[in-house]
Amino acid sequence: MEYAAKLPPEYKLKGLKEKFILKELIKGRIPASIVNRPKQAYRAPIAPSFLGKGAPEYVQELLSEKILSDYGIFNPATVVPLIEKIKKSDRPTELENMTLAGVLSAQLLVHQYIKNQTEGLDLKTISDPKVINESTLN
């Protein structure tokens, strides 16, 4: 690993060809069809991690009909049946897994950065909100 880190960049990447030196080293030892095949993304098991045995308690809370309704981003009538379907499935589809991840991520963001930060605040009393952007910093 240390040796590879010390290699000049042109050995690691040639144009848009990644792992150039590695591919040169294994040429003739591994079939070209394997060396040149496109990358494939690793798909982590989303549903079992968040809905399976030992899943964090906060997940059930954030995906509950009440919290979905309170946060108001997603329609609980759509999300709750989907969550139940995923829980009953041995192998949720990629789309179901990605939907679960998206809904849960959004719910977490709302919980962490909106609901927790504004708990007890009457936002209507803020008379002069400031927008901070690059022009206000100069």
C-alpha atoms as a PDB file:
ATOM      1  CA  MET A   1       0.000   0.000   0.000  1.00  0.00           C
ATOM      2  CA  GLU A   2       2.808   2.416   0.880  1.00  0.00           C
ATOM      3  CA  TYR A   3       4.587   1.541  -2.350  1.00  0.00           C
ATOM      4  CA  ALA A   4       1.472   2.237  -4.399  1.00  0.00           C
ATOM      5  CA  ALA A   5       0.962   5.563  -2.631  1.00  0.00           C
ATOM      6  CA  LYS A   6       4.473   6.647  -3.665  1.00  0.00           C
ATOM      7  CA  LEU A   7       3.939   5.897  -7.357  1.00  0.00           C
ATOM      8  CA  PRO A   8       3.688   8.910  -9.670  1.00  0.00           C
ATOM      9  CA  PRO A   9       0.116   9.841 -10.665  1.00  0.00           C
ATOM     10  CA  GLU A  10       0.706   8.919 -14.319  1.00  0.00           C
ATOM     11  CA  TYR A  11       1.123   5.273 -13.276  1.00  0.00           C
ATOM     12  CA  LYS A  12      -2.161   5.261 -11.401  1.00  0.00           C
ATOM     13  CA  LEU A  13      -4.278   7.031 -14.000  1.00  0.00           C
ATOM     14  CA  LYS A  14      -3.577   7.308 -17.715  1.00  0.00           C
ATOM     15  CA  GLY A  15      -6.115   9.597 -19.315  1.00  0.00           C
ATOM     16  CA  LEU A  16      -9.394   8.251 -17.985  1.00  0.00           C
ATOM     17  CA  LYS A  17      -8.057   4.716 -17.563  1.00  0.00           C
ATOM     18  CA  GLU A  18      -7.966   3.940 -13.852  1.00  0.00           C
ATOM     19  CA  LYS A  19      -5.596   1.383 -12.305  1.00  0.00           C
ATOM     20  CA  PHE A  20      -3.396   1.647 -15.369  1.00  0.00           C
ATOM     21  CA  ILE A  21      -0.259   0.082 -13.865  1.00  0.00           C
ATOM     22  CA  LEU A  22      -2.216  -2.734 -12.244  1.00  0.00           C
ATOM     23  CA  LYS A  23      -3.876  -3.582 -15.543  1.00  0.00           C
ATOM     24  CA  GLU A  24      -0.494  -3.560 -17.289  1.00  0.00           C
ATOM     25  CA  LEU A  25       0.937  -5.930 -14.676  1.00  0.00           C
ATOM     26  CA  ILE A  26      -1.852  -8.486 -15.011  1.00  0.00           C
ATOM     27  CA  LYS A  27      -2.078  -8.355 -18.808  1.00  0.00           C
ATOM     28  CA  GLY A  28      -1.968 -11.923 -20.111  1.00  0.00           C
ATOM     29  CA  ARG A  29      -2.622 -13.426 -16.677  1.00  0.00           C
ATOM     30  CA  ILE A  30      -6.307 -12.550 -16.454  1.00  0.00           C
ATOM     31  CA  PRO A  31      -8.704 -12.587 -19.427  1.00  0.00           C
ATOM     32  CA  ALA A  32      -9.063  -9.184 -21.114  1.00  0.00           C
ATOM     33  CA  SER A  33     -12.845  -9.449 -20.749  1.00  0.00           C
ATOM     34  CA  ILE A  34     -12.400  -9.270 -16.974  1.00  0.00           C
ATOM     35  CA  VAL A  35      -9.715  -6.578 -16.963  1.00  0.00           C
ATOM     36  CA  ASN A  36     -11.698  -4.319 -19.301  1.00  0.00           C
ATOM     37  CA  ARG A  37     -15.220  -4.858 -17.995  1.00  0.00           C
ATOM     38  CA  PRO A  38     -17.055  -1.812 -16.624  1.00  0.00           C
ATOM     39  CA  LYS A  39     -17.157  -1.148 -12.906  1.00  0.00           C
ATOM     40  CA  GLN A  40     -20.099  -2.473 -10.939  1.00  0.00           C
ATOM     41  CA  ALA A  41     -21.367  -0.670  -7.890  1.00  0.00           C
ATOM     42  CA  TYR A  42     -21.512  -2.487  -4.587  1.00  0.00           C
ATOM     43  CA  ARG A  43     -25.060  -2.483  -3.266  1.00  0.00           C
ATOM     44  CA  ALA A  44     -25.187  -2.556   0.504  1.00  0.00           C
ATOM     45  CA  PRO A  45     -28.154  -4.381   2.057  1.00  0.00           C
ATOM     46  CA  ILE A  46     -30.198  -1.300   2.952  1.00  0.00           C
ATOM     47  CA  ALA A  47     -33.506  -2.831   4.048  1.00  0.00           C
ATOM     48  CA  PRO A  48     -32.085  -5.476   6.410  1.00  0.00           C
ATOM     49  CA  SER A  49     -29.840  -2.858   8.022  1.00  0.00           C
ATOM     50  CA  PHE A  50     -32.679  -0.482   8.808  1.00  0.00           C
ATOM     51  CA  LEU A  51     -35.707  -2.735   9.095  1.00  0.00           C
ATOM     52  CA  GLY A  52     -34.260  -6.090  10.125  1.00  0.00           C
ATOM     53  CA  LYS A  53     -33.473  -7.591  13.492  1.00  0.00           C
ATOM     54  CA  GLY A  54     -31.328  -5.261  15.579  1.00  0.00           C
ATOM     55  CA  ALA A  55     -32.222  -2.178  13.542  1.00  0.00           C
ATOM     56  CA  PRO A  56     -31.937   1.142  15.393  1.00  0.00           C
ATOM     57  CA  GLU A  57     -35.119   2.212  17.205  1.00  0.00           C
ATOM     58  CA  TYR A  58     -35.061   5.686  15.697  1.00  0.00           C
ATOM     59  CA  VAL A  59     -35.743   4.184  12.252  1.00  0.00           C
ATOM     60  CA  GLN A  60     -39.184   2.904  13.236  1.00  0.00           C
ATOM     61  CA  GLU A  61     -39.968   6.242  14.820  1.00  0.00           C
ATOM     62  CA  LEU A  62     -38.898   8.311  11.808  1.00  0.00           C
ATOM     63  CA  LEU A  63     -40.825   6.031   9.443  1.00  0.00           C
ATOM     64  CA  SER A  64     -43.957   5.962  11.595  1.00  0.00           C
ATOM     65  CA  GLU A  65     -47.174   7.356  10.182  1.00  0.00           C
ATOM     66  CA  LYS A  66     -47.244  10.074  12.854  1.00  0.00           C
ATOM     67  CA  ILE A  67     -43.724  11.394  12.248  1.00  0.00           C
ATOM     68  CA  LEU A  68     -44.069  11.129   8.463  1.00  0.00           C
ATOM     69  CA  SER A  69     -47.226  13.203   8.771  1.00  0.00           C
ATOM     70  CA  ASP A  70     -45.684  15.678  11.244  1.00  0.00           C
ATOM     71  CA  TYR A  71     -42.634  16.329   9.066  1.00  0.00           C
ATOM     72  CA  GLY A  72     -44.834  16.687   5.993  1.00  0.00           C
ATOM     73  CA  ILE A  73     -42.358  15.733   3.283  1.00  0.00           C
ATOM     74  CA  PHE A  74     -43.753  12.332   2.340  1.00  0.00           C
ATOM     75  CA  ASN A  75     -47.282  11.005   2.096  1.00  0.00           C
ATOM     76  CA  PRO A  76     -47.668   8.440   4.909  1.00  0.00           C
ATOM     77  CA  ALA A  77     -50.374   6.657   2.878  1.00  0.00           C
ATOM     78  CA  THR A  78     -47.681   5.836   0.315  1.00  0.00           C
ATOM     79  CA  VAL A  79     -44.631   5.314   2.536  1.00  0.00           C
ATOM     80  CA  VAL A  80     -46.129   3.166   5.320  1.00  0.00           C
ATOM     81  CA  PRO A  81     -47.419   0.421   2.969  1.00  0.00           C
ATOM     82  CA  LEU A  82     -44.073   0.436   1.147  1.00  0.00           C
ATOM     83  CA  ILE A  83     -42.203  -0.025   4.437  1.00  0.00           C
ATOM     84  CA  GLU A  84     -44.519  -2.902   5.391  1.00  0.00           C
ATOM     85  CA  LYS A  85     -43.985  -4.497   1.976  1.00  0.00           C
ATOM     86  CA  ILE A  86     -40.203  -4.212   2.357  1.00  0.00           C
ATOM     87  CA  LYS A  87     -40.334  -5.723   5.860  1.00  0.00           C
ATOM     88  CA  LYS A  88     -42.212  -8.767   4.543  1.00  0.00           C
ATOM     89  CA  SER A  89     -39.948  -9.264   1.535  1.00  0.00           C
ATOM     90  CA  ASP A  90     -36.969 -11.610   1.547  1.00  0.00           C
ATOM     91  CA  ARG A  91     -35.333  -9.622  -1.231  1.00  0.00           C
ATOM     92  CA  PRO A  92     -36.535  -6.044  -1.688  1.00  0.00           C
ATOM     93  CA  THR A  93     -35.912  -4.596  -5.135  1.00  0.00           C
ATOM     94  CA  GLU A  94     -33.169  -2.066  -5.770  1.00  0.00           C
ATOM     95  CA  LEU A  95     -35.845   0.603  -6.236  1.00  0.00           C
ATOM     96  CA  GLU A  96     -37.439  -0.273  -2.879  1.00  0.00           C
ATOM     97  CA  ASN A  97     -34.041  -0.171  -1.152  1.00  0.00           C
ATOM     98  CA  MET A  98     -33.177   3.185  -2.702  1.00  0.00           C
ATOM     99  CA  THR A  99     -36.597   4.591  -1.824  1.00  0.00           C
ATOM    100  CA  LEU A 100     -36.174   3.470   1.781  1.00  0.00           C
ATOM    101  CA  ALA A 101     -32.729   5.084   1.927  1.00  0.00           C
ATOM    102  CA  GLY A 102     -34.033   8.325   0.428  1.00  0.00           C
ATOM    103  CA  VAL A 103     -37.057   8.595   2.706  1.00  0.00           C
ATOM    104  CA  LEU A 104     -35.048   7.745   5.813  1.00  0.00           C
ATOM    105  CA  SER A 105     -32.261  10.181   4.868  1.00  0.00           C
ATOM    106  CA  ALA A 106     -34.725  13.027   4.341  1.00  0.00           C
ATOM    107  CA  GLN A 107     -36.524  12.241   7.598  1.00  0.00           C
ATOM    108  CA  LEU A 108     -33.187  12.232   9.456  1.00  0.00           C
ATOM    109  CA  LEU A 109     -32.216  15.588   7.966  1.00  0.00           C
ATOM    110  CA  VAL A 110     -35.534  17.165   8.919  1.00  0.00           C
ATOM    111  CA  HIS A 111     -35.288  15.704  12.413  1.00  0.00           C
ATOM    112  CA  GLN A 112     -31.698  16.770  12.976  1.00  0.00           C
ATOM    113  CA  TYR A 113     -31.569  20.161  11.305  1.00  0.00           C
ATOM    114  CA  ILE A 114     -35.109  21.496  11.278  1.00  0.00           C
ATOM    115  CA  LYS A 115     -37.228  19.971  14.024  1.00  0.00           C
ATOM    116  CA  ASN A 116     -34.516  19.811  16.704  1.00  0.00           C
ATOM    117  CA  GLN A 117     -33.249  23.306  15.922  1.00  0.00           C
ATOM    118  CA  THR A 118     -36.671  24.961  15.916  1.00  0.00           C
ATOM    119  CA  GLU A 119     -38.285  23.130  18.823  1.00  0.00           C
ATOM    120  CA  GLY A 120     -40.323  25.701  20.748  1.00  0.00           C
ATOM    121  CA  LEU A 121     -39.530  28.597  18.398  1.00  0.00           C
ATOM    122  CA  ASP A 122     -42.322  30.650  16.939  1.00  0.00           C
ATOM    123  CA  LEU A 123     -40.893  31.140  13.479  1.00  0.00           C
ATOM    124  CA  LYS A 124     -43.529  33.762  12.658  1.00  0.00           C
ATOM    125  CA  THR A 125     -41.889  36.135  15.161  1.00  0.00           C
ATOM    126  CA  ILE A 126     -38.647  36.262  13.204  1.00  0.00           C
ATOM    127  CA  SER A 127     -39.127  39.605  11.472  1.00  0.00           C
ATOM    128  CA  ASP A 128     -35.826  40.044   9.666  1.00  0.00           C
ATOM    129  CA  PRO A 129     -34.408  36.719   8.517  1.00  0.00           C
ATOM    130  CA  LYS A 130     -30.923  36.910   7.044  1.00  0.00           C
ATOM    131  CA  VAL A 131     -29.773  34.893   4.063  1.00  0.00           C
ATOM    132  CA  ILE A 132     -26.084  34.160   4.246  1.00  0.00           C
ATOM    133  CA  ASN A 133     -24.344  33.661   0.945  1.00  0.00           C
ATOM    134  CA  GLU A 134     -21.064  34.634  -0.657  1.00  0.00           C
ATOM    135  CA  SER A 135     -22.133  38.242  -1.306  1.00  0.00           C
ATOM    136  CA  THR A 136     -23.021  38.864   2.362  1.00  0.00           C
ATOM    137  CA  LEU A 137     -19.596  37.633   3.468  1.00  0.00           C
ATOM    138  CA  ASN A 138     -17.661  40.140   1.312  1.00  0.00           C
END
